[in-house]
C-alpha cells in the first residue's frame, strides 16, 4: 500500500548441465514480490546464451512450453523488475546481455546508482549507444569497458566498482563464471546457498534460496565479490570495509518477504518487534488488532501480543493480483485498491479497530482502507504505522523521487489523521529503528535526510527519457543536461 522497490535478482551454477531455467523460474517466483513489471532468464548452454524476457509476471512470461524449449545448461541468471529508473517497456527487461570482443555477459541488477547520470554522459561522449533507460545498462557498459583491459571478468567487476556509486546488488554471468557483487554500503540484500548436489544459487533474498531446495550459506558482504566456477567459490574483498554499512531499513519494514533472513536478522522477527514497540509508544483502547496484508500482518501480531488486544483478520487480499504499488501510475494504483482488499465484517463490525500498516506515503490508499473498515461497521479506526513518516526522497532503489509526493512533508500527523479519516494515528519512532536490525548499521535517509552518498544531480525516475527529449530539442549533452 505504499512505496515501490526495484528488483529481484537470481543466479544458479550447477556442476553438470541441468534444467537451470526451471530452477531460475522457481527462484523468480519466490522473488515476485520485489517486482511485477517484467522478468527474464538467460541460460548458459556451454557458452551459448539463450534468453527469454518480457513484460508481466513470472507465471505469465514463462507460461506454456516456454521453459521446456529453453536448453539445459550449467548456469543461468534471472531478474524480476519494478523500474525505479527507466520506463515500463520491453527494452528495459533484464537480464541485460552484452557481446564484446572478449566474450559475452548477462547482467541482472537491483538498486539505483547515485552517479548514473554522470557516468552515462561520460560513456555517451565516448560514442556509447544506449538501448535502455535504466541504470543497469550503464553498469554493463562500465564492466565491459574494464573487461577489455582486465585479465578476468572478476577483475573487471572490481575495477568497475571503483567507479560506481550508490546501490547495486549484481548477478552476472560470463561463459565460464557466475559472479555476484554487492555495493560497499550494502544497500540492497544479496545472499547465496548450496543444494545437496553441489549447485550454488544466488538471490536477493533467502526465501528464494530455500524455494529451490538449497541451504542458505550466508549473505554476500557489502563490497564483496563472489566468483563461482568449476574450480569452486572465490571471495574477493578489496572493496569490503571501505564504507559504513547502510542496508536499507525498509527491507525489514516492507520490501522483503517475512520468511527471509537478511544479514542474520529474521524479517518476521523484526516486524514483530516493530509492532510491540508501537503498542508501547502509541497505546490505544480497542477491541481488535488487524494488519494490512501482507507486510502489516507481522507488526499487527506484535502489537496484539504486547497490548493484549485480540488479533483478528479484518482485511482479505485478493491473492490473484499483486501489490497495488507495483502497478505503475497513480491512477492504476487507486483502481487496484478497489479490487485488492475487502473488509471482514464479522471481525470489525461495532468494534474499535487498530489497523497496522508499514507506511503512509501519499495517503490515498490508506484513506480508502479506513473507509472500507468504516463501511463494514467499524466503530473506531486507529491507524498505527511501523515506520517513521517519510520526509525525504530515496535515491537507492525506491520509487520516491521528490518530496512533493510525500504527505508527511505537507501535513502534520494530526492533519494526516484527518485526511485519512482515522480516529488516531501513531508512527514508529526513528529513534527505535536500530531495534529492528539487531543494532547493525542501516540507511534511513528517507526519514532523516542523512544520505550516505552524494545526492544525484537528476533525481527524476524518467531522467533518461527526458534527456532524449532534450536532445531532440537541440540541447547540448556537454552542458550536463
Protein backbone atom coordinates (compact mmCIF):
# COMPACT_ATOMS: atom_id res chain seq x y z
CA UNK A 1 0.00 0.00 0.00
CA UNK A 2 2.95 2.27 -0.16
CA UNK A 3 6.24 2.59 -1.95
CA UNK A 4 7.98 0.89 -4.84
CA UNK A 5 11.16 -1.12 -4.75
CA UNK A 6 13.15 -2.10 -7.73
CA UNK A 7 14.00 -5.72 -8.41
CA UNK A 8 14.85 -9.26 -7.51
CA UNK A 9 17.96 -10.99 -8.87
CA UNK A 10 18.77 -14.69 -9.06
CA UNK A 11 21.64 -16.82 -10.33
CA UNK A 12 22.47 -20.52 -10.46
CA UNK A 13 25.55 -22.56 -11.35
CA UNK A 14 25.43 -26.36 -11.41
CA UNK A 15 28.27 -28.91 -11.57
CA UNK A 16 26.66 -30.63 -14.58
CA UNK A 17 24.21 -29.47 -17.27
CA UNK A 18 20.65 -29.50 -15.93
CA UNK A 19 17.37 -27.60 -16.11
CA UNK A 20 18.75 -24.32 -14.75
CA UNK A 21 15.88 -22.43 -16.41
CA UNK A 22 13.32 -24.15 -14.17
CA UNK A 23 15.48 -23.57 -11.10
CA UNK A 24 15.60 -19.88 -12.02
CA UNK A 25 11.85 -19.84 -12.63
CA UNK A 26 11.13 -21.02 -9.10
CA UNK A 27 13.69 -18.61 -7.72
CA UNK A 28 12.00 -15.71 -9.50
CA UNK A 29 8.61 -16.92 -8.33
CA UNK A 30 9.82 -16.57 -4.74
CA UNK A 31 11.07 -13.05 -5.53
CA UNK A 32 7.93 -11.92 -7.40
CA UNK A 33 7.04 -9.51 -4.58
CA UNK A 34 10.11 -7.43 -5.46
CA UNK A 35 8.96 -6.63 -8.99
CA UNK A 36 5.99 -7.37 -11.21
CA UNK A 37 6.58 -5.29 -14.34
CA UNK A 38 8.80 -7.70 -16.22
CA UNK A 39 11.10 -10.68 -15.82
CA UNK A 40 13.66 -12.70 -17.70
CA UNK A 41 16.02 -15.67 -17.65
CA UNK A 42 19.29 -16.17 -19.54
CA UNK A 43 20.67 -19.72 -19.73
CA UNK A 44 24.31 -20.54 -20.43
CA UNK A 45 24.44 -23.65 -22.61
CA UNK A 46 28.16 -24.41 -22.93
CA UNK A 47 28.98 -20.77 -23.65
CA UNK A 48 25.89 -20.14 -25.81
CA UNK A 49 23.41 -17.76 -24.16
CA UNK A 50 19.69 -18.41 -24.66
CA UNK A 51 17.22 -15.97 -23.15
CA UNK A 52 13.56 -15.17 -22.74
CA UNK A 53 12.37 -11.82 -21.36
CA UNK A 54 9.06 -9.99 -21.47
CA UNK A 55 6.58 -7.78 -19.63
CA UNK A 56 4.41 -9.39 -16.96
CA UNK A 57 4.51 -11.75 -14.01
CA UNK A 58 6.79 -14.78 -13.88
CA UNK A 59 3.87 -17.14 -14.49
CA UNK A 60 2.75 -15.07 -17.49
CA UNK A 61 6.13 -14.59 -19.15
CA UNK A 62 7.08 -18.25 -18.76
CA UNK A 63 3.69 -19.76 -19.48
CA UNK A 64 3.02 -22.74 -21.72
CA UNK A 65 6.02 -24.59 -23.07
CA UNK A 66 8.50 -21.70 -23.00
CA UNK A 67 10.52 -23.22 -20.16
CA UNK A 68 10.61 -26.61 -21.85
CA UNK A 69 12.04 -25.01 -25.00
CA UNK A 70 14.94 -23.46 -23.11
CA UNK A 71 18.08 -25.62 -23.18
CA UNK A 72 19.77 -27.31 -20.28
CA UNK A 73 22.91 -25.61 -19.06
CA UNK A 74 25.30 -25.18 -16.17
CA UNK A 75 24.45 -21.55 -15.42
CA UNK A 76 21.63 -19.02 -15.55
CA UNK A 77 20.84 -15.52 -14.35
CA UNK A 78 17.33 -14.20 -13.82
CA UNK A 79 15.55 -10.99 -12.91
CA UNK A 80 12.15 -9.69 -11.78
CA UNK A 81 11.75 -5.96 -12.31
CA UNK A 82 9.96 -2.97 -10.97
CA UNK A 83 11.61 0.03 -12.57
CA UNK A 84 12.57 2.88 -10.28
CA UNK A 85 14.62 4.30 -13.15
CA UNK A 86 13.56 3.97 -16.77
CA UNK A 87 10.26 3.42 -18.47
CA UNK A 88 7.91 0.46 -18.41
CA UNK A 89 8.77 -1.23 -21.69
CA UNK A 90 10.33 -4.37 -23.02
CA UNK A 91 13.67 -2.69 -23.77
CA UNK A 92 14.26 -2.35 -20.04
CA UNK A 93 13.67 -6.03 -19.29
CA UNK A 94 16.59 -7.77 -17.65
CA UNK A 95 18.99 -9.55 -17.55
CA UNK A 96 20.91 -7.34 -19.97
CA UNK A 97 23.06 -9.24 -22.47
CA UNK A 98 26.29 -7.87 -23.89
CA UNK A 99 28.54 -9.18 -26.67
CA UNK A 100 32.06 -7.80 -26.63
CA UNK A 101 35.49 -8.56 -28.02
CA UNK A 102 36.42 -10.92 -25.18
CA UNK A 103 33.15 -12.81 -24.96
CA UNK A 104 29.62 -12.45 -23.62
CA UNK A 105 27.98 -11.30 -20.42
CA UNK A 106 24.47 -11.33 -18.94
CA UNK A 107 23.77 -8.96 -16.03
CA UNK A 108 20.93 -8.60 -13.51
CA UNK A 109 20.87 -5.64 -11.11
CA UNK A 110 18.93 -4.49 -8.07
CA UNK A 111 19.33 -0.90 -6.89
CA UNK A 112 19.94 2.60 -8.20
CA UNK A 113 23.24 4.35 -8.88
CA UNK A 114 23.55 7.82 -7.41
CA UNK A 115 26.04 8.85 -10.13
CA UNK A 116 24.23 7.25 -13.07
CA UNK A 117 23.67 10.50 -14.98
CA UNK A 118 27.33 11.50 -14.86
CA UNK A 119 28.53 8.02 -15.83
CA UNK A 120 26.10 7.74 -18.72
CA UNK A 121 27.06 11.18 -20.04
CA UNK A 122 30.74 10.24 -19.99
CA UNK A 123 30.04 7.00 -21.84
CA UNK A 124 27.88 8.70 -24.46
CA UNK A 125 30.60 11.26 -25.12
CA UNK A 126 32.95 8.39 -25.98
CA UNK A 127 30.46 7.01 -28.50
CA UNK A 128 28.46 4.55 -26.38
CA UNK A 129 24.94 3.98 -27.70
CA UNK A 130 22.30 3.07 -25.12
CA UNK A 131 19.28 0.93 -25.89
CA UNK A 132 17.55 1.18 -22.49
CA UNK A 133 16.77 3.90 -19.98
CA UNK A 134 17.84 2.03 -16.84
CA UNK A 135 20.95 2.27 -14.65
CA UNK A 136 21.73 -1.36 -15.39
CA UNK A 137 22.95 -0.72 -18.92
CA UNK A 138 25.37 1.87 -17.56
CA UNK A 139 26.80 -0.76 -15.21
CA UNK A 140 27.06 -3.24 -18.08
CA UNK A 141 28.93 -0.73 -20.24
CA UNK A 142 31.42 0.08 -17.48
CA UNK A 143 32.11 -3.58 -16.71
CA UNK A 144 32.52 -4.31 -20.42
CA UNK A 145 34.87 -1.36 -20.85
CA UNK A 146 37.01 -2.62 -17.97
CA UNK A 147 36.89 -6.19 -19.27
CA UNK A 148 38.63 -5.16 -22.49
CA UNK A 149 41.68 -4.25 -20.43
CA UNK A 150 41.36 -6.56 -17.41
CA UNK A 151 42.78 -10.10 -17.26
CA UNK A 152 39.48 -11.59 -16.00
CA UNK A 153 35.79 -10.77 -15.67
CA UNK A 154 36.04 -10.62 -11.87
CA UNK A 155 38.86 -8.09 -12.14
CA UNK A 156 36.69 -6.05 -14.50
CA UNK A 157 33.86 -6.07 -11.93
CA UNK A 158 36.27 -4.99 -9.20
CA UNK A 159 37.59 -2.12 -11.30
CA UNK A 160 34.05 -1.06 -12.21
CA UNK A 161 33.17 -0.87 -8.51
CA UNK A 162 35.77 1.91 -8.17
CA UNK A 163 33.54 3.98 -10.47
CA UNK A 164 30.02 3.00 -9.42
CA UNK A 165 28.39 4.84 -6.52
CA UNK A 166 25.06 4.05 -4.90
CA UNK A 167 23.06 0.85 -4.57
CA UNK A 168 23.77 -2.25 -6.61
CA UNK A 169 23.43 -5.93 -5.92
CA UNK A 170 24.62 -7.67 -9.09
CA UNK A 171 24.48 -11.17 -10.51
CA UNK A 172 26.33 -11.60 -13.80
CA UNK A 173 27.33 -14.50 -15.99
CA UNK A 174 30.21 -14.97 -18.39
CA UNK A 175 30.70 -18.10 -20.49
CA UNK A 176 32.69 -19.76 -17.68
CA UNK A 177 31.77 -18.00 -14.44
CA UNK A 178 28.86 -16.79 -12.31
CA UNK A 179 29.71 -13.66 -10.33
CA UNK A 180 27.79 -11.71 -7.73
CA UNK A 181 28.70 -8.42 -6.11
CA UNK A 182 27.19 -6.13 -3.50
CA UNK A 183 27.97 -2.43 -3.26
CA UNK A 184 30.28 -1.33 -0.39
CA UNK A 185 27.35 0.18 1.51
CA UNK A 186 25.27 -2.98 1.24
CA UNK A 187 22.10 -1.02 0.45
CA UNK A 188 20.28 -3.99 -1.08
CA UNK A 189 20.37 -7.59 0.16
CA UNK A 190 22.14 -10.44 -1.60
CA UNK A 191 22.78 -13.97 -0.36
CA UNK A 192 23.84 -17.39 -1.58
CA UNK A 193 23.30 -21.05 -0.83
CA UNK A 194 24.04 -24.57 -1.99
CA UNK A 195 22.00 -27.66 -2.80
CA UNK A 196 22.88 -31.22 -1.84
CA UNK A 197 24.17 -31.95 -5.35
CA UNK A 198 26.64 -29.04 -5.29
CA UNK A 199 24.57 -26.46 -7.19
CA UNK A 200 25.13 -22.89 -5.97
CA UNK A 201 22.37 -20.30 -6.08
CA UNK A 202 22.48 -16.54 -5.52
CA UNK A 203 19.40 -14.44 -4.75
CA UNK A 204 18.17 -11.12 -3.43
CA UNK A 205 16.52 -12.92 -0.50
CA UNK A 206 16.97 -16.17 1.38
CA UNK A 207 13.34 -17.15 0.68
CA UNK A 208 14.39 -17.80 -2.94
CA UNK A 209 17.37 -19.89 -1.81
CA UNK A 210 15.08 -22.19 0.14
CA UNK A 211 12.43 -22.23 -2.60
CA UNK A 212 14.80 -24.12 -4.92
CA UNK A 213 15.85 -26.63 -2.26
CA UNK A 214 19.15 -25.02 -1.33
CA UNK A 215 20.54 -24.33 2.11
CA UNK A 216 21.43 -20.73 2.91
CA UNK A 217 25.17 -20.28 3.44
CA UNK A 218 25.39 -16.57 4.19
CA UNK A 219 24.86 -13.05 2.91
CA UNK A 220 27.24 -11.52 0.41
CA UNK A 221 29.00 -8.87 2.47
CA UNK A 222 28.97 -5.19 1.48
CA UNK A 223 31.74 -4.71 -1.08
CA UNK A 224 32.29 -8.44 -1.57
CA UNK A 225 32.63 -10.14 -4.95
CA UNK A 226 31.96 -13.89 -5.18
CA UNK A 227 33.18 -15.88 -8.18
CA UNK A 228 31.57 -19.27 -8.84
CA UNK A 229 33.17 -21.60 -11.39
CA UNK A 230 34.09 -25.25 -11.94
CA UNK A 231 37.02 -24.59 -9.61
CA UNK A 232 34.76 -23.70 -6.67
CA UNK A 233 33.98 -20.39 -4.99
CA UNK A 234 36.40 -17.49 -4.55
CA UNK A 235 35.73 -14.36 -2.47
CA UNK A 236 37.29 -11.01 -3.33
CA UNK A 237 37.14 -8.48 -0.53
CA UNK A 238 39.19 -5.49 -1.69
CA UNK A 239 36.08 -3.27 -1.55
CA UNK A 240 34.89 -4.53 1.85
CA UNK A 241 35.08 -2.13 4.77
CA UNK A 242 35.56 0.94 2.61
CA UNK A 243 32.15 2.36 3.54
CA UNK A 244 29.92 2.19 6.60
CA UNK A 245 27.23 -0.42 6.16
CA UNK A 246 23.91 1.12 5.10
CA UNK A 247 21.39 -1.65 4.45
CA UNK A 248 18.02 -0.13 3.56
CA UNK A 249 15.89 -0.26 6.72
CA UNK A 250 12.78 -0.73 4.59
CA UNK A 251 13.95 -4.20 3.62
CA UNK A 252 12.93 -5.19 7.15
CA UNK A 253 9.84 -2.99 7.35
CA UNK A 254 8.28 -3.78 3.98
CA UNK A 255 10.23 -4.96 0.94
CA UNK A 256 11.39 -8.42 1.94
CA UNK A 257 9.27 -11.49 2.48
CA UNK A 258 8.74 -12.25 6.19
CA UNK A 259 10.33 -15.70 5.85
CA UNK A 260 13.61 -14.16 4.64
CA UNK A 261 16.67 -13.62 6.80
CA UNK A 262 18.81 -10.59 5.91
CA UNK A 263 22.30 -10.20 7.31
CA UNK A 264 21.43 -12.68 10.04
CA UNK A 265 18.21 -10.97 11.14
CA UNK A 266 14.77 -12.53 10.61
CA UNK A 267 12.42 -10.19 8.75
CA UNK A 268 9.43 -11.73 10.58
CA UNK A 269 11.02 -11.21 13.99
CA UNK A 270 11.95 -7.64 13.07
CA UNK A 271 8.34 -6.81 12.21
CA UNK A 272 7.02 -8.46 15.36
CA UNK A 273 9.41 -6.22 17.31
CA UNK A 274 8.14 -3.16 15.45
CA UNK A 275 4.56 -3.99 16.42
CA UNK A 276 5.47 -4.49 20.08
CA UNK A 277 7.27 -1.15 20.20
CA UNK A 278 4.28 0.56 18.55
CA UNK A 279 1.99 -0.88 21.22
CA UNK A 280 4.21 0.61 23.92
CA UNK A 281 4.72 4.02 22.34
CA UNK A 282 1.20 4.50 20.91
CA UNK A 283 -1.23 2.55 23.11
CA UNK A 284 -4.95 2.69 22.48
CA UNK A 285 -8.09 1.11 23.90
CA UNK A 286 -9.52 -1.16 21.24
CA UNK A 287 -11.31 -4.44 20.63
CA UNK A 288 -9.27 -5.95 17.80
CA UNK A 289 -5.90 -5.51 16.06
CA UNK A 290 -5.72 -6.17 12.32
CA UNK A 291 -2.91 -5.88 9.81
CA UNK A 292 -2.93 -4.56 6.27
CA UNK A 293 -2.00 -7.51 4.04
CA UNK A 294 0.70 -8.53 3.67
CA UNK A 295 3.50 -6.51 5.23
CA UNK A 296 1.37 -5.18 8.10
CA UNK A 297 0.36 -8.61 9.39
CA UNK A 298 3.52 -9.40 11.37
CA UNK A 299 3.64 -5.97 13.02
CA UNK A 300 -0.07 -6.30 13.88
CA UNK A 301 0.65 -9.61 15.57
CA UNK A 302 3.40 -7.97 17.61
CA UNK A 303 1.07 -5.11 18.56
CA UNK A 304 -1.51 -7.64 19.72
CA UNK A 305 1.00 -9.66 21.74
CA UNK A 306 2.29 -6.60 23.56
CA UNK A 307 -1.05 -4.83 24.11
CA UNK A 308 -3.19 -7.87 24.91
CA UNK A 309 -5.78 -6.75 22.37
CA UNK A 310 -7.01 -9.76 20.35
CA UNK A 311 -5.56 -10.24 16.88
CA UNK A 312 -8.07 -10.65 14.06
CA UNK A 313 -8.33 -10.97 10.29
CA UNK A 314 -10.01 -7.74 9.27
CA UNK A 315 -8.86 -7.38 5.68
CA UNK A 316 -8.71 -10.02 2.97
CA UNK A 317 -6.47 -9.54 -0.06
CA UNK A 318 -7.34 -10.86 -3.47
CA UNK A 319 -4.36 -13.20 -3.93
CA UNK A 320 -4.61 -13.07 -7.72
CA UNK A 321 -3.37 -9.51 -8.06
CA UNK A 322 -0.06 -8.08 -6.91
CA UNK A 323 0.83 -5.33 -4.51
CA UNK A 324 -1.06 -2.21 -5.58
CA UNK A 325 2.05 -0.09 -5.63
CA UNK A 326 3.74 -2.23 -8.25
CA UNK A 327 1.26 -1.25 -10.97
CA UNK A 328 2.87 1.89 -12.44
CA UNK A 329 0.91 5.10 -12.27
CA UNK A 330 -1.23 6.66 -9.57
CA UNK A 331 -4.47 6.04 -11.45
CA UNK A 332 -3.68 2.34 -11.74
CA UNK A 333 -2.73 2.22 -8.07
CA UNK A 334 -6.03 3.71 -6.90
CA UNK A 335 -8.12 1.49 -9.15
CA UNK A 336 -6.27 -1.54 -7.78
CA UNK A 337 -7.36 -0.79 -4.22
CA UNK A 338 -11.00 -1.33 -5.18
CA UNK A 339 -10.45 -4.95 -6.08
CA UNK A 340 -7.44 -5.78 -3.97
CA UNK A 341 -8.90 -5.63 -0.45
CA UNK A 342 -12.17 -6.50 1.25
CA UNK A 343 -13.10 -5.93 4.87
CA UNK A 344 -14.24 -8.87 7.03
CA UNK A 345 -17.42 -7.51 8.56
CA UNK A 346 -17.59 -10.19 11.25
CA UNK A 347 -14.18 -9.08 12.58
CA UNK A 348 -14.70 -5.31 12.62
CA UNK A 349 -18.40 -4.51 12.90
CA UNK A 350 -19.23 -2.42 16.00
CA UNK A 351 -15.62 -2.69 17.18
CA UNK A 352 -12.77 -0.34 17.92
CA UNK A 353 -10.15 -1.40 15.39
CA UNK A 354 -6.38 -0.93 15.40
CA UNK A 355 -5.13 -1.07 11.80
CA UNK A 356 -1.37 -1.68 11.48
CA UNK A 357 0.44 -0.99 8.21
CA UNK A 358 4.05 -0.46 7.18
CA UNK A 359 3.89 3.13 5.87
CA UNK A 360 1.90 6.05 4.56
CA UNK A 361 3.43 7.71 1.52
CA UNK A 362 0.79 9.68 -0.35
CA UNK A 363 -2.17 8.87 1.89
CA UNK A 364 -4.64 7.98 -0.85
CA UNK A 365 -4.60 4.23 -0.30
CA UNK A 366 -4.76 4.43 3.49
CA UNK A 367 -7.78 6.71 3.30
CA UNK A 368 -9.62 4.19 1.15
CA UNK A 369 -8.76 1.32 3.50
CA UNK A 370 -10.02 3.25 6.53
CA UNK A 371 -13.25 3.90 4.63
CA UNK A 372 -13.51 0.17 3.81
CA UNK A 373 -13.42 -0.62 7.52
CA UNK A 374 -15.96 2.05 8.40
CA UNK A 375 -18.29 0.85 5.65
CA UNK A 376 -18.01 -2.62 7.20
CA UNK A 377 -19.24 -1.24 10.51
CA UNK A 378 -16.05 -0.42 12.43
CA UNK A 379 -16.90 1.90 15.32
CA UNK A 380 -13.41 3.40 15.51
CA UNK A 381 -10.29 3.01 13.36
CA UNK A 382 -6.91 3.69 14.95
CA UNK A 383 -4.01 3.56 12.48
CA UNK A 384 -0.53 2.52 13.58
CA UNK A 385 2.42 2.66 11.19
CA UNK A 386 5.52 0.50 11.67
CA UNK A 387 7.87 3.10 10.15
CA UNK A 388 8.53 6.79 10.80
CA UNK A 389 7.00 9.43 8.50
CA UNK A 390 8.58 9.65 5.04
CA UNK A 391 10.14 13.09 4.77
CA UNK A 392 12.78 12.71 2.06
CA UNK A 393 13.24 11.05 -1.34
CA UNK A 394 15.19 7.81 -1.76
CA UNK A 395 17.93 7.55 -4.38
CA UNK A 396 18.91 3.92 -3.86
CA UNK A 397 16.18 1.87 -5.49
CA UNK A 398 12.89 3.11 -4.06
CA UNK A 399 10.37 4.97 -6.19
CA UNK A 400 10.17 8.17 -4.16
CA UNK A 401 11.90 10.79 -6.28
CA UNK A 402 10.67 14.04 -4.72
CA UNK A 403 9.20 15.41 -1.51
CA UNK A 404 6.10 16.64 -3.33
CA UNK A 405 4.81 13.04 -3.33
CA UNK A 406 5.16 12.66 0.45
CA UNK A 407 2.13 13.52 2.56
CA UNK A 408 4.24 13.93 5.71
CA UNK A 409 6.12 16.81 4.04
CA UNK A 410 2.92 18.77 3.65
CA UNK A 411 0.89 17.96 6.74
CA UNK A 412 1.32 17.33 10.44
CA UNK A 413 0.44 13.96 11.96
CA UNK A 414 -2.94 15.24 13.27
CA UNK A 415 -3.68 16.64 9.80
CA UNK A 416 -2.75 13.32 8.15
CA UNK A 417 -5.04 11.57 10.62
CA UNK A 418 -7.91 13.79 9.49
CA UNK A 419 -7.08 13.32 5.81
CA UNK A 420 -7.16 9.51 6.01
CA UNK A 421 -10.27 9.59 8.22
CA UNK A 422 -8.78 7.76 11.22
CA UNK A 423 -9.64 8.29 14.89
CA UNK A 424 -5.94 8.34 15.82
CA UNK A 425 -2.59 7.88 14.11
CA UNK A 426 0.75 6.79 15.51
CA UNK A 427 4.08 6.28 13.75
CA UNK A 428 7.09 4.20 14.71
CA UNK A 429 9.84 6.34 16.22
CA UNK A 430 13.02 6.86 14.19
CA UNK A 431 14.95 6.58 17.45
CA UNK A 432 13.84 2.93 17.77
CA UNK A 433 14.80 1.76 14.27
CA UNK A 434 18.02 0.17 15.50
CA UNK A 435 15.96 -2.41 17.37
CA UNK A 436 14.69 -3.80 14.06
CA UNK A 437 18.14 -4.69 12.69
CA UNK A 438 19.94 -6.24 15.66
CA UNK A 439 21.72 -2.89 16.08
CA UNK A 440 23.57 -3.19 12.74
CA UNK A 441 24.09 -0.08 10.63
CA UNK A 442 21.35 0.87 8.16
CA UNK A 443 20.20 3.61 5.81
CA UNK A 444 17.23 5.66 6.97
CA UNK A 445 17.74 8.71 4.75
CA UNK A 446 14.08 8.63 3.69
CA UNK A 447 13.21 9.50 7.28
CA UNK A 448 16.04 11.83 8.32
CA UNK A 449 17.70 13.07 5.11
CA UNK A 450 21.11 11.69 6.10
CA UNK A 451 22.27 10.37 2.72
CA UNK A 452 25.34 8.10 2.62
CA UNK A 453 26.28 9.24 -0.91
CA UNK A 454 26.23 12.46 -2.86
CA UNK A 455 22.68 13.37 -3.91
CA UNK A 456 22.17 12.70 -7.65
CA UNK A 457 22.15 15.68 -9.98
CA UNK A 458 18.93 14.49 -11.63
CA UNK A 459 16.52 12.54 -9.45
CA UNK A 460 13.62 12.01 -11.86
CA UNK A 461 12.56 8.43 -12.50
CA UNK A 462 12.27 9.25 -16.21
CA UNK A 463 15.54 11.20 -16.29
CA UNK A 464 16.98 9.29 -19.25
CA UNK A 465 13.77 9.60 -21.28
CA UNK A 466 13.81 13.33 -20.57
CA UNK A 467 17.41 13.56 -21.73
CA UNK A 468 16.38 12.08 -25.08
CA UNK A 469 13.63 14.69 -25.29
CA UNK A 470 16.14 17.42 -24.51
CA UNK A 471 18.46 16.19 -27.27
CA UNK A 472 15.64 16.25 -29.81
CA UNK A 473 15.08 19.88 -28.84
CA UNK A 474 18.70 20.65 -29.62
CA UNK A 475 20.14 20.67 -26.12
CA UNK A 476 23.87 20.08 -25.60
CA UNK A 477 24.96 16.92 -23.74
CA UNK A 478 28.26 18.52 -22.90
CA UNK A 479 26.49 21.03 -20.69
CA UNK A 480 25.38 18.30 -18.31
CA UNK A 481 21.72 18.06 -19.22
